Amino acid sequence: MSTRGRPRKFDRTKTLRNAMMTFWQQGYDNTSMADLVAAMGINTPSIYSTFGSKEALFNEVITLYRTSEGSKIWQETMRESSAEAAIKTLLTLSAEEFTQANKPKGCLIILGAMNPDDTNLPIHHLLQECRAESKENLISLLKRDIENGRLKSEIDCLAIATYYITLQQGMSIQARDGASKETLLSVAEIGLIAWPLLIK
């Protein structure tokens, strides 16, 4: 029996991962459908029929990234028993994860859509919300330490969390520009020197 017209079978998880690597390396705006076809190994109609649109595909990619490549940093950070230890883990793991061999440098959540415009606003807002969630995670850890008496109630949780998230995001950009793990670990170490001043 002829199979003409039937959709070609493919491994959905594998093709989604290939799309993730492409978006991670190039960003949402710089990734064309031709790039996705080449990376995913399926044709444009198959991409649209399976994922709906480039935007919908990217949304799935972000879900995959946050539960796979991007999960280690925050899982380990949120397990720490104190905000200070959590911030040290955040910065140290970021230096390591952002510079892994054989993977795009930096963080997809940070670098995926840097410049909002009419063509990518939903994507930009999605990543913005993910980044805001990261800051809220740090704020929650700082507030927990205030509640258990480790930190003074007068500290500015928002300012401290913003400072360290800004540092982490800068490390992602530096990694994309070629900074080594050792360089980023030095940045993390310098950032931690500020901790006693921030909680005075």
N, C-alpha and C. Protein backbone atom coordinates (compact mmCIF):
# COMPACT_ATOMS: atom_id res chain seq x y z
N MET A 1 0.86 -1.19 0.00
CA MET A 1 0.00 0.00 0.00
C MET A 1 0.89 1.24 0.00
N SER A 2 0.52 2.21 -0.79
CA SER A 2 1.30 3.44 -0.87
C SER A 2 1.16 4.25 0.42
N THR A 3 2.29 4.86 0.84
CA THR A 3 2.28 5.71 2.04
C THR A 3 2.38 7.18 1.67
N ARG A 4 2.24 7.49 0.36
CA ARG A 4 2.34 8.88 -0.08
C ARG A 4 1.30 9.74 0.65
N GLY A 5 1.73 10.87 1.14
CA GLY A 5 0.82 11.80 1.79
C GLY A 5 0.78 11.65 3.30
N ARG A 6 1.28 10.53 3.80
CA ARG A 6 1.30 10.35 5.24
C ARG A 6 2.45 11.14 5.86
N PRO A 7 2.24 11.71 7.04
CA PRO A 7 3.33 12.46 7.68
C PRO A 7 4.47 11.53 8.09
N ARG A 8 5.70 12.00 7.90
CA ARG A 8 6.87 11.22 8.29
C ARG A 8 6.96 11.14 9.81
N LYS A 9 7.22 9.95 10.34
CA LYS A 9 7.34 9.80 11.77
C LYS A 9 8.68 10.34 12.23
N PHE A 10 8.69 10.95 13.43
CA PHE A 10 9.94 11.45 13.98
C PHE A 10 9.83 11.46 15.50
N ASP A 11 10.97 11.55 16.14
CA ASP A 11 11.05 11.59 17.59
C ASP A 11 10.78 13.01 18.04
N ARG A 12 9.60 13.25 18.61
CA ARG A 12 9.20 14.61 18.97
C ARG A 12 10.13 15.22 20.01
N THR A 13 10.52 14.43 21.00
CA THR A 13 11.40 14.93 22.06
C THR A 13 12.76 15.33 21.49
N LYS A 14 13.29 14.51 20.59
CA LYS A 14 14.59 14.80 19.99
C LYS A 14 14.53 16.05 19.13
N THR A 15 13.47 16.19 18.32
CA THR A 15 13.37 17.37 17.46
C THR A 15 13.18 18.64 18.30
N LEU A 16 12.45 18.52 19.41
CA LEU A 16 12.25 19.67 20.29
C LEU A 16 13.57 20.08 20.93
N ARG A 17 14.36 19.10 21.32
CA ARG A 17 15.67 19.40 21.91
C ARG A 17 16.59 20.08 20.88
N ASN A 18 16.53 19.61 19.64
CA ASN A 18 17.33 20.24 18.59
C ASN A 18 16.90 21.69 18.37
N ALA A 19 15.60 21.92 18.43
CA ALA A 19 15.11 23.30 18.32
C ALA A 19 15.61 24.13 19.49
N MET A 20 15.60 23.55 20.69
CA MET A 20 16.08 24.27 21.87
C MET A 20 17.53 24.71 21.69
N MET A 21 18.38 23.82 21.20
CA MET A 21 19.78 24.16 21.02
C MET A 21 19.95 25.28 20.00
N THR A 22 19.11 25.28 18.98
CA THR A 22 19.20 26.33 17.97
C THR A 22 18.76 27.68 18.52
N PHE A 23 17.62 27.71 19.20
CA PHE A 23 17.16 28.96 19.81
C PHE A 23 18.16 29.45 20.87
N TRP A 24 18.72 28.53 21.61
CA TRP A 24 19.69 28.87 22.66
C TRP A 24 20.92 29.53 22.07
N GLN A 25 21.39 29.00 20.96
CA GLN A 25 22.59 29.54 20.32
C GLN A 25 22.32 30.85 19.60
N GLN A 26 21.19 30.95 18.93
CA GLN A 26 20.95 32.09 18.03
C GLN A 26 19.95 33.11 18.55
N GLY A 27 19.14 32.74 19.53
CA GLY A 27 18.08 33.61 19.98
C GLY A 27 16.84 33.44 19.12
N TYR A 28 15.72 33.88 19.65
CA TYR A 28 14.45 33.72 18.94
C TYR A 28 14.44 34.48 17.62
N ASP A 29 14.84 35.74 17.65
CA ASP A 29 14.73 36.59 16.46
C ASP A 29 15.65 36.14 15.33
N ASN A 30 16.83 35.66 15.67
CA ASN A 30 17.81 35.29 14.65
C ASN A 30 17.63 33.87 14.14
N THR A 31 16.66 33.16 14.67
CA THR A 31 16.41 31.78 14.22
C THR A 31 15.28 31.78 13.19
N SER A 32 15.61 31.38 11.99
CA SER A 32 14.61 31.33 10.91
C SER A 32 13.99 29.94 10.83
N MET A 33 12.91 29.84 10.08
CA MET A 33 12.30 28.53 9.86
C MET A 33 13.27 27.60 9.14
N ALA A 34 14.09 28.14 8.25
CA ALA A 34 15.09 27.32 7.57
C ALA A 34 16.09 26.75 8.58
N ASP A 35 16.47 27.56 9.57
CA ASP A 35 17.37 27.07 10.62
C ASP A 35 16.72 25.93 11.39
N LEU A 36 15.44 26.09 11.69
CA LEU A 36 14.73 25.06 12.45
C LEU A 36 14.57 23.78 11.65
N VAL A 37 14.26 23.91 10.38
CA VAL A 37 14.14 22.74 9.51
C VAL A 37 15.46 21.97 9.51
N ALA A 38 16.57 22.69 9.36
CA ALA A 38 17.88 22.04 9.32
C ALA A 38 18.22 21.38 10.66
N ALA A 39 17.89 22.04 11.76
CA ALA A 39 18.24 21.52 13.07
C ALA A 39 17.33 20.36 13.49
N MET A 40 16.05 20.48 13.18
CA MET A 40 15.08 19.50 13.67
C MET A 40 14.96 18.29 12.75
N GLY A 41 15.39 18.44 11.50
CA GLY A 41 15.33 17.31 10.57
C GLY A 41 13.94 17.00 10.06
N ILE A 42 13.03 17.97 10.15
CA ILE A 42 11.68 17.80 9.61
C ILE A 42 11.34 19.04 8.79
N ASN A 43 10.36 18.92 7.91
CA ASN A 43 10.06 20.04 7.03
C ASN A 43 9.13 21.06 7.70
N THR A 44 8.98 22.18 7.03
CA THR A 44 8.19 23.28 7.60
C THR A 44 6.75 22.87 7.90
N PRO A 45 6.05 22.19 6.96
CA PRO A 45 4.67 21.76 7.29
C PRO A 45 4.60 20.88 8.53
N SER A 46 5.60 20.01 8.71
CA SER A 46 5.61 19.15 9.90
C SER A 46 5.81 19.96 11.17
N ILE A 47 6.65 20.99 11.10
CA ILE A 47 6.86 21.86 12.27
C ILE A 47 5.56 22.55 12.63
N TYR A 48 4.89 23.11 11.63
CA TYR A 48 3.64 23.82 11.90
C TYR A 48 2.53 22.88 12.37
N SER A 49 2.44 21.71 11.77
CA SER A 49 1.37 20.78 12.16
C SER A 49 1.60 20.20 13.55
N THR A 50 2.86 20.08 13.93
CA THR A 50 3.18 19.49 15.24
C THR A 50 3.19 20.52 16.35
N PHE A 51 3.76 21.70 16.08
CA PHE A 51 3.96 22.68 17.14
C PHE A 51 3.09 23.93 16.99
N GLY A 52 2.50 24.13 15.83
CA GLY A 52 1.55 25.24 15.64
C GLY A 52 2.15 26.47 15.01
N SER A 53 3.28 26.94 15.53
CA SER A 53 3.92 28.15 15.02
C SER A 53 5.31 28.23 15.63
N LYS A 54 6.10 29.15 15.12
CA LYS A 54 7.43 29.37 15.70
C LYS A 54 7.31 29.81 17.16
N GLU A 55 6.36 30.67 17.44
CA GLU A 55 6.15 31.16 18.80
C GLU A 55 5.75 30.02 19.74
N ALA A 56 4.81 29.18 19.28
CA ALA A 56 4.37 28.05 20.10
C ALA A 56 5.50 27.06 20.32
N LEU A 57 6.31 26.84 19.28
CA LEU A 57 7.47 25.97 19.40
C LEU A 57 8.43 26.52 20.46
N PHE A 58 8.67 27.82 20.43
CA PHE A 58 9.58 28.43 21.40
C PHE A 58 9.05 28.28 22.82
N ASN A 59 7.75 28.40 22.98
CA ASN A 59 7.15 28.21 24.31
C ASN A 59 7.43 26.80 24.83
N GLU A 60 7.31 25.81 23.96
CA GLU A 60 7.62 24.44 24.37
C GLU A 60 9.10 24.28 24.67
N VAL A 61 9.93 24.96 23.88
CA VAL A 61 11.37 24.92 24.11
C VAL A 61 11.71 25.47 25.49
N ILE A 62 11.07 26.57 25.88
CA ILE A 62 11.34 27.16 27.19
C ILE A 62 10.94 26.21 28.31
N THR A 63 9.80 25.54 28.15
CA THR A 63 9.39 24.54 29.14
C THR A 63 10.42 23.44 29.25
N LEU A 64 10.90 22.94 28.10
CA LEU A 64 11.92 21.90 28.10
C LEU A 64 13.20 22.40 28.74
N TYR A 65 13.62 23.61 28.40
CA TYR A 65 14.86 24.17 28.94
C TYR A 65 14.78 24.29 30.46
N ARG A 66 13.66 24.76 30.95
CA ARG A 66 13.53 24.99 32.39
C ARG A 66 13.45 23.69 33.19
N THR A 67 13.09 22.60 32.53
CA THR A 67 13.02 21.31 33.23
C THR A 67 14.22 20.42 32.92
N SER A 68 15.15 20.92 32.09
CA SER A 68 16.32 20.11 31.75
C SER A 68 17.59 20.94 31.94
N GLU A 69 18.05 21.57 30.89
CA GLU A 69 19.33 22.29 30.94
C GLU A 69 19.34 23.42 31.97
N GLY A 70 18.23 24.11 32.11
CA GLY A 70 18.21 25.27 33.00
C GLY A 70 17.74 24.98 34.42
N SER A 71 17.51 23.71 34.73
CA SER A 71 16.91 23.40 36.03
C SER A 71 17.92 23.29 37.17
N LYS A 72 19.14 22.87 36.88
CA LYS A 72 20.10 22.56 37.94
C LYS A 72 20.39 23.76 38.82
N ILE A 73 20.61 24.92 38.19
CA ILE A 73 21.00 26.11 38.96
C ILE A 73 19.97 26.42 40.03
N TRP A 74 18.70 26.50 39.63
CA TRP A 74 17.68 26.93 40.59
C TRP A 74 17.27 25.81 41.54
N GLN A 75 17.32 24.57 41.10
CA GLN A 75 17.03 23.47 42.03
C GLN A 75 18.02 23.46 43.17
N GLU A 76 19.30 23.59 42.83
CA GLU A 76 20.33 23.59 43.87
C GLU A 76 20.28 24.85 44.72
N THR A 77 20.00 25.97 44.09
CA THR A 77 19.92 27.24 44.82
C THR A 77 18.82 27.20 45.86
N MET A 78 17.65 26.72 45.48
CA MET A 78 16.50 26.74 46.38
C MET A 78 16.59 25.68 47.47
N ARG A 79 17.51 24.74 47.34
CA ARG A 79 17.70 23.72 48.38
C ARG A 79 18.54 24.24 49.55
N GLU A 80 19.26 25.32 49.34
CA GLU A 80 20.17 25.80 50.38
C GLU A 80 19.40 26.28 51.61
N SER A 81 20.05 26.16 52.77
CA SER A 81 19.38 26.46 54.03
C SER A 81 19.43 27.93 54.41
N SER A 82 20.24 28.72 53.71
CA SER A 82 20.32 30.15 53.99
C SER A 82 20.42 30.93 52.69
N ALA A 83 20.04 32.20 52.73
CA ALA A 83 20.10 33.04 51.54
C ALA A 83 21.54 33.22 51.08
N GLU A 84 22.46 33.37 52.01
CA GLU A 84 23.86 33.55 51.65
C GLU A 84 24.38 32.33 50.90
N ALA A 85 24.11 31.15 51.42
CA ALA A 85 24.54 29.92 50.74
C ALA A 85 23.86 29.78 49.38
N ALA A 86 22.59 30.18 49.31
CA ALA A 86 21.84 30.09 48.05
C ALA A 86 22.46 30.99 46.99
N ILE A 87 22.82 32.20 47.37
CA ILE A 87 23.41 33.14 46.41
C ILE A 87 24.77 32.65 45.95
N LYS A 88 25.55 32.08 46.87
CA LYS A 88 26.84 31.50 46.48
C LYS A 88 26.64 30.38 45.47
N THR A 89 25.66 29.52 45.74
CA THR A 89 25.36 28.42 44.82
C THR A 89 24.88 28.96 43.48
N LEU A 90 24.01 29.95 43.52
CA LEU A 90 23.48 30.55 42.28
C LEU A 90 24.61 31.05 41.39
N LEU A 91 25.53 31.80 41.96
CA LEU A 91 26.60 32.39 41.16
C LEU A 91 27.63 31.35 40.73
N THR A 92 27.96 30.44 41.62
CA THR A 92 28.95 29.42 41.29
C THR A 92 28.44 28.48 40.20
N LEU A 93 27.22 28.00 40.36
CA LEU A 93 26.66 27.11 39.34
C LEU A 93 26.43 27.83 38.02
N SER A 94 26.07 29.10 38.08
CA SER A 94 25.89 29.87 36.85
C SER A 94 27.20 29.94 36.08
N ALA A 95 28.31 30.19 36.79
CA ALA A 95 29.62 30.23 36.14
C ALA A 95 29.92 28.90 35.46
N GLU A 96 29.56 27.81 36.12
CA GLU A 96 29.84 26.47 35.57
C GLU A 96 28.89 26.12 34.42
N GLU A 97 27.60 26.36 34.64
CA GLU A 97 26.61 25.96 33.63
C GLU A 97 26.65 26.84 32.39
N PHE A 98 26.96 28.10 32.55
CA PHE A 98 26.99 29.02 31.41
C PHE A 98 28.17 28.78 30.48
N THR A 99 29.15 28.00 30.92
CA THR A 99 30.37 27.79 30.13
C THR A 99 30.62 26.32 29.82
N GLN A 100 29.58 25.52 29.83
CA GLN A 100 29.75 24.09 29.54
C GLN A 100 30.24 23.86 28.13
N ALA A 101 31.10 22.87 27.98
CA ALA A 101 31.60 22.50 26.66
C ALA A 101 30.48 21.86 25.84
N ASN A 102 30.53 22.07 24.55
CA ASN A 102 29.60 21.46 23.60
C ASN A 102 28.15 21.88 23.78
N LYS A 103 27.94 23.03 24.45
CA LYS A 103 26.60 23.59 24.58
C LYS A 103 26.69 25.09 24.34
N PRO A 104 25.59 25.71 23.91
CA PRO A 104 25.61 27.17 23.75
C PRO A 104 25.98 27.84 25.07
N LYS A 105 26.70 28.93 24.98
CA LYS A 105 27.13 29.63 26.19
C LYS A 105 26.03 30.54 26.71
N GLY A 106 26.05 30.75 28.03
CA GLY A 106 25.05 31.62 28.63
C GLY A 106 23.74 30.90 28.88
N CYS A 107 22.71 31.69 29.15
CA CYS A 107 21.39 31.17 29.54
C CYS A 107 20.34 31.56 28.52
N LEU A 108 19.55 30.60 28.06
CA LEU A 108 18.50 30.86 27.08
C LEU A 108 17.46 31.84 27.63
N ILE A 109 17.12 31.73 28.91
CA ILE A 109 16.12 32.61 29.51
C ILE A 109 16.59 34.06 29.48
N ILE A 110 17.88 34.26 29.67
CA ILE A 110 18.44 35.61 29.70
C ILE A 110 18.67 36.15 28.30
N LEU A 111 19.14 35.30 27.39
CA LEU A 111 19.60 35.76 26.08
C LEU A 111 18.62 35.51 24.94
N GLY A 112 17.51 34.82 25.21
CA GLY A 112 16.65 34.35 24.14
C GLY A 112 15.97 35.41 23.30
N ALA A 113 15.64 36.55 23.89
CA ALA A 113 14.97 37.62 23.13
C ALA A 113 15.27 38.94 23.84
N MET A 114 16.41 39.50 23.54
CA MET A 114 16.90 40.67 24.27
C MET A 114 16.21 41.97 23.85
N ASN A 115 15.77 42.05 22.60
CA ASN A 115 15.25 43.31 22.06
C ASN A 115 13.78 43.17 21.69
N PRO A 116 12.86 43.67 22.52
CA PRO A 116 11.44 43.54 22.21
C PRO A 116 11.02 44.41 21.03
N ASP A 117 10.17 43.86 20.17
CA ASP A 117 9.58 44.63 19.08
C ASP A 117 8.22 44.01 18.75
N ASP A 118 7.59 44.49 17.70
CA ASP A 118 6.24 44.04 17.38
C ASP A 118 6.18 42.57 16.99
N THR A 119 7.31 42.00 16.61
CA THR A 119 7.30 40.61 16.14
C THR A 119 7.56 39.60 17.25
N ASN A 120 8.02 40.06 18.41
CA ASN A 120 8.39 39.09 19.44
C ASN A 120 7.91 39.44 20.84
N LEU A 121 6.96 40.35 20.95
CA LEU A 121 6.53 40.80 22.27
C LEU A 121 6.07 39.67 23.19
N PRO A 122 5.25 38.71 22.71
CA PRO A 122 4.85 37.62 23.61
C PRO A 122 6.04 36.82 24.11
N ILE A 123 7.03 36.60 23.24
CA ILE A 123 8.23 35.86 23.63
C ILE A 123 9.04 36.67 24.64
N HIS A 124 9.19 37.95 24.37
CA HIS A 124 9.92 38.82 25.29
C HIS A 124 9.26 38.84 26.66
N HIS A 125 7.94 38.93 26.68
CA HIS A 125 7.21 38.95 27.95
C HIS A 125 7.34 37.62 28.69
N LEU A 126 7.33 36.52 27.95
CA LEU A 126 7.49 35.20 28.56
C LEU A 126 8.83 35.12 29.29
N LEU A 127 9.90 35.52 28.62
CA LEU A 127 11.23 35.45 29.22
C LEU A 127 11.37 36.46 30.36
N GLN A 128 10.73 37.60 30.19
CA GLN A 128 10.73 38.61 31.25
C GLN A 128 10.09 38.05 32.52
N GLU A 129 9.00 37.33 32.36
CA GLU A 129 8.32 36.72 33.50
C GLU A 129 9.19 35.65 34.16
N CYS A 130 9.91 34.89 33.34
CA CYS A 130 10.82 33.87 33.89
C CYS A 130 11.93 34.53 34.70
N ARG A 131 12.47 35.62 34.18
CA ARG A 131 13.54 36.33 34.89
C ARG A 131 13.01 36.96 36.18
N ALA A 132 11.80 37.49 36.12
CA ALA A 132 11.18 38.07 37.33
C ALA A 132 10.97 36.99 38.39
N GLU A 133 10.62 35.80 37.96
CA GLU A 133 10.42 34.68 38.89
C GLU A 133 11.73 34.35 39.61
N SER A 134 12.83 34.43 38.88
CA SER A 134 14.14 34.17 39.50
C SER A 134 14.42 35.18 40.61
N LYS A 135 14.12 36.43 40.36
CA LYS A 135 14.33 37.45 41.38
C LYS A 135 13.41 37.21 42.57
N GLU A 136 12.19 36.83 42.31
CA GLU A 136 11.25 36.54 43.41
C GLU A 136 11.74 35.36 44.25
N ASN A 137 12.40 34.40 43.61
CA ASN A 137 12.96 33.28 44.36
C ASN A 137 13.98 33.76 45.39
N LEU A 138 14.86 34.68 44.95
CA LEU A 138 15.85 35.21 45.89
C LEU A 138 15.20 36.03 46.99
N ILE A 139 14.21 36.82 46.62
CA ILE A 139 13.51 37.62 47.64
C ILE A 139 12.89 36.70 48.68
N SER A 140 12.31 35.59 48.25
CA SER A 140 11.67 34.67 49.20
C SER A 140 12.70 34.06 50.15
N LEU A 141 13.90 33.79 49.65
CA LEU A 141 14.95 33.23 50.51
C LEU A 141 15.43 34.27 51.52
N LEU A 142 15.55 35.50 51.09
CA LEU A 142 15.96 36.57 51.99
C LEU A 142 14.90 36.78 53.08
N LYS A 143 13.64 36.78 52.69
CA LYS A 143 12.56 36.96 53.66
C LYS A 143 12.49 35.79 54.64
N ARG A 144 12.79 34.61 54.16
CA ARG A 144 12.82 33.45 55.04
C ARG A 144 13.89 33.63 56.12
N ASP A 145 15.04 34.18 55.72
CA ASP A 145 16.11 34.40 56.69
C ASP A 145 15.77 35.51 57.68
N ILE A 146 14.98 36.47 57.24
CA ILE A 146 14.51 37.50 58.17
C ILE A 146 13.57 36.88 59.20
N GLU A 147 12.67 36.02 58.72
CA GLU A 147 11.70 35.39 59.61
C GLU A 147 12.36 34.48 60.64
N ASN A 148 13.45 33.81 60.24
CA ASN A 148 14.08 32.90 61.20
C ASN A 148 15.21 33.56 61.97
N GLY A 149 15.37 34.88 61.80
CA GLY A 149 16.31 35.62 62.60
C GLY A 149 17.74 35.68 62.10
N ARG A 150 18.00 35.12 60.92
CA ARG A 150 19.35 35.16 60.37
C ARG A 150 19.71 36.55 59.85
N LEU A 151 18.72 37.26 59.34
CA LEU A 151 18.97 38.58 58.76
C LEU A 151 18.10 39.63 59.45
N LYS A 152 18.57 40.87 59.44
CA LYS A 152 17.82 41.97 60.03
C LYS A 152 16.59 42.29 59.19
N SER A 153 15.55 42.72 59.84
CA SER A 153 14.31 43.04 59.12
C SER A 153 14.47 44.29 58.26
N GLU A 154 15.49 45.10 58.55
CA GLU A 154 15.66 46.37 57.85
C GLU A 154 16.33 46.22 56.48
N ILE A 155 16.85 45.05 56.15
CA ILE A 155 17.56 44.92 54.86
C ILE A 155 16.59 45.11 53.70
N ASP A 156 17.12 45.55 52.58
CA ASP A 156 16.32 45.79 51.38
C ASP A 156 16.36 44.53 50.51
N CYS A 157 15.38 43.68 50.71
CA CYS A 157 15.36 42.39 49.99
C CYS A 157 15.32 42.58 48.49
N LEU A 158 14.52 43.54 48.03
CA LEU A 158 14.40 43.77 46.59
C LEU A 158 15.73 44.21 46.00
N ALA A 159 16.41 45.14 46.67
CA ALA A 159 17.68 45.65 46.15
C ALA A 159 18.74 44.55 46.13
N ILE A 160 18.80 43.75 47.19
CA ILE A 160 19.80 42.68 47.25
C ILE A 160 19.53 41.63 46.17
N ALA A 161 18.28 41.22 46.05
CA ALA A 161 17.93 40.22 45.02
C ALA A 161 18.21 40.77 43.63
N THR A 162 17.87 42.03 43.39
CA THR A 162 18.12 42.64 42.09
C THR A 162 19.61 42.70 41.78
N TYR A 163 20.40 43.02 42.79
CA TYR A 163 21.85 43.09 42.60
C TYR A 163 22.41 41.74 42.13
N TYR A 164 22.03 40.68 42.82
CA TYR A 164 22.61 39.38 42.49
C TYR A 164 22.04 38.79 41.19
N ILE A 165 20.78 39.08 40.90
CA ILE A 165 20.23 38.65 39.61
C ILE A 165 20.88 39.42 38.47
N THR A 166 21.13 40.70 38.68
CA THR A 166 21.83 41.50 37.66
C THR A 166 23.23 40.94 37.43
N LEU A 167 23.90 40.56 38.49
CA LEU A 167 25.23 39.97 38.37
C LEU A 167 25.17 38.66 37.59
N GLN A 168 24.20 37.82 37.92
CA GLN A 168 24.06 36.55 37.22
C GLN A 168 23.76 36.76 35.74
N GLN A 169 22.87 37.70 35.43
CA GLN A 169 22.55 37.97 34.03
C GLN A 169 23.76 38.50 33.27
N GLY A 170 24.55 39.33 33.93
CA GLY A 170 25.78 39.82 33.30
C GLY A 170 26.76 38.69 33.04
N MET A 171 26.82 37.73 33.93
CA MET A 171 27.69 36.57 33.73
C MET A 171 27.27 35.78 32.49
N SER A 172 25.96 35.72 32.25
CA SER A 172 25.46 35.03 31.05
C SER A 172 25.94 35.73 29.78
N ILE A 173 25.86 37.04 29.78
CA ILE A 173 26.33 37.81 28.61
C ILE A 173 27.83 37.64 28.43
N GLN A 174 28.58 37.70 29.54
CA GLN A 174 30.02 37.51 29.46
C GLN A 174 30.38 36.12 28.92
N ALA A 175 29.63 35.11 29.34
CA ALA A 175 29.87 33.76 28.84
C ALA A 175 29.65 33.70 27.33
N ARG A 176 28.60 34.34 26.86
CA ARG A 176 28.33 34.36 25.42
C ARG A 176 29.44 35.08 24.67
N ASP A 177 30.07 36.04 25.33
CA ASP A 177 31.17 36.78 24.71
C ASP A 177 32.51 36.07 24.84
N GLY A 178 32.51 34.89 25.47
CA GLY A 178 33.72 34.09 25.51
C GLY A 178 34.42 34.00 26.85
N ALA A 179 33.85 34.58 27.91
CA ALA A 179 34.48 34.49 29.23
C ALA A 179 34.56 33.04 29.68
N SER A 180 35.65 32.67 30.32
CA SER A 180 35.84 31.30 30.78
C SER A 180 35.13 31.07 32.10
N LYS A 181 35.03 29.80 32.49
CA LYS A 181 34.46 29.45 33.79
C LYS A 181 35.26 30.09 34.91
N GLU A 182 36.59 30.06 34.78
CA GLU A 182 37.44 30.63 35.82
C GLU A 182 37.20 32.13 35.98
N THR A 183 37.02 32.82 34.87
CA THR A 183 36.74 34.26 34.93
C THR A 183 35.42 34.52 35.63
N LEU A 184 34.41 33.74 35.29
CA LEU A 184 33.09 33.95 35.90
C LEU A 184 33.07 33.54 37.37
N LEU A 185 33.85 32.55 37.74
CA LEU A 185 33.96 32.20 39.15
C LEU A 185 34.60 33.34 39.94
N SER A 186 35.55 34.03 39.32
CA SER A 186 36.16 35.20 39.97
C SER A 186 35.13 36.30 40.15
N VAL A 187 34.28 36.49 39.14
CA VAL A 187 33.21 37.49 39.24
C VAL A 187 32.27 37.12 40.39
N ALA A 188 31.92 35.84 40.48
CA ALA A 188 31.05 35.37 41.56
C ALA A 188 31.68 35.64 42.92
N GLU A 189 32.96 35.37 43.02
CA GLU A 189 33.67 35.57 44.29
C GLU A 189 33.66 37.04 44.70
N ILE A 190 33.88 37.93 43.74
CA ILE A 190 33.85 39.36 44.03
C ILE A 190 32.44 39.79 44.45
N GLY A 191 31.43 39.24 43.76
CA GLY A 191 30.05 39.57 44.11
C GLY A 191 29.70 39.17 45.53
N LEU A 192 30.25 38.06 45.98
CA LEU A 192 29.97 37.59 47.34
C LEU A 192 30.65 38.43 48.40
N ILE A 193 31.73 39.12 48.03
CA ILE A 193 32.39 40.02 48.98
C ILE A 193 31.44 41.12 49.42
N ALA A 194 30.50 41.48 48.54
CA ALA A 194 29.54 42.55 48.86
C ALA A 194 28.49 42.13 49.88
N TRP A 195 28.31 40.83 50.09
CA TRP A 195 27.23 40.33 50.95
C TRP A 195 27.20 40.99 52.34
N PRO A 196 28.32 41.03 53.07
CA PRO A 196 28.26 41.64 54.42
C PRO A 196 27.82 43.11 54.40
N LEU A 197 28.17 43.82 53.35
CA LEU A 197 27.77 45.24 53.25
C LEU A 197 26.29 45.37 52.95
N LEU A 198 25.75 44.45 52.19
CA LEU A 198 24.36 44.51 51.77
C LEU A 198 23.39 44.18 52.92
N ILE A 199 23.86 43.41 53.90
CA ILE A 199 22.96 42.98 54.97
C ILE A 199 23.22 43.71 56.28
N LYS A 200 24.03 44.76 56.25
CA LYS A 200 24.32 45.54 57.47
C LYS A 200 23.06 46.20 58.01
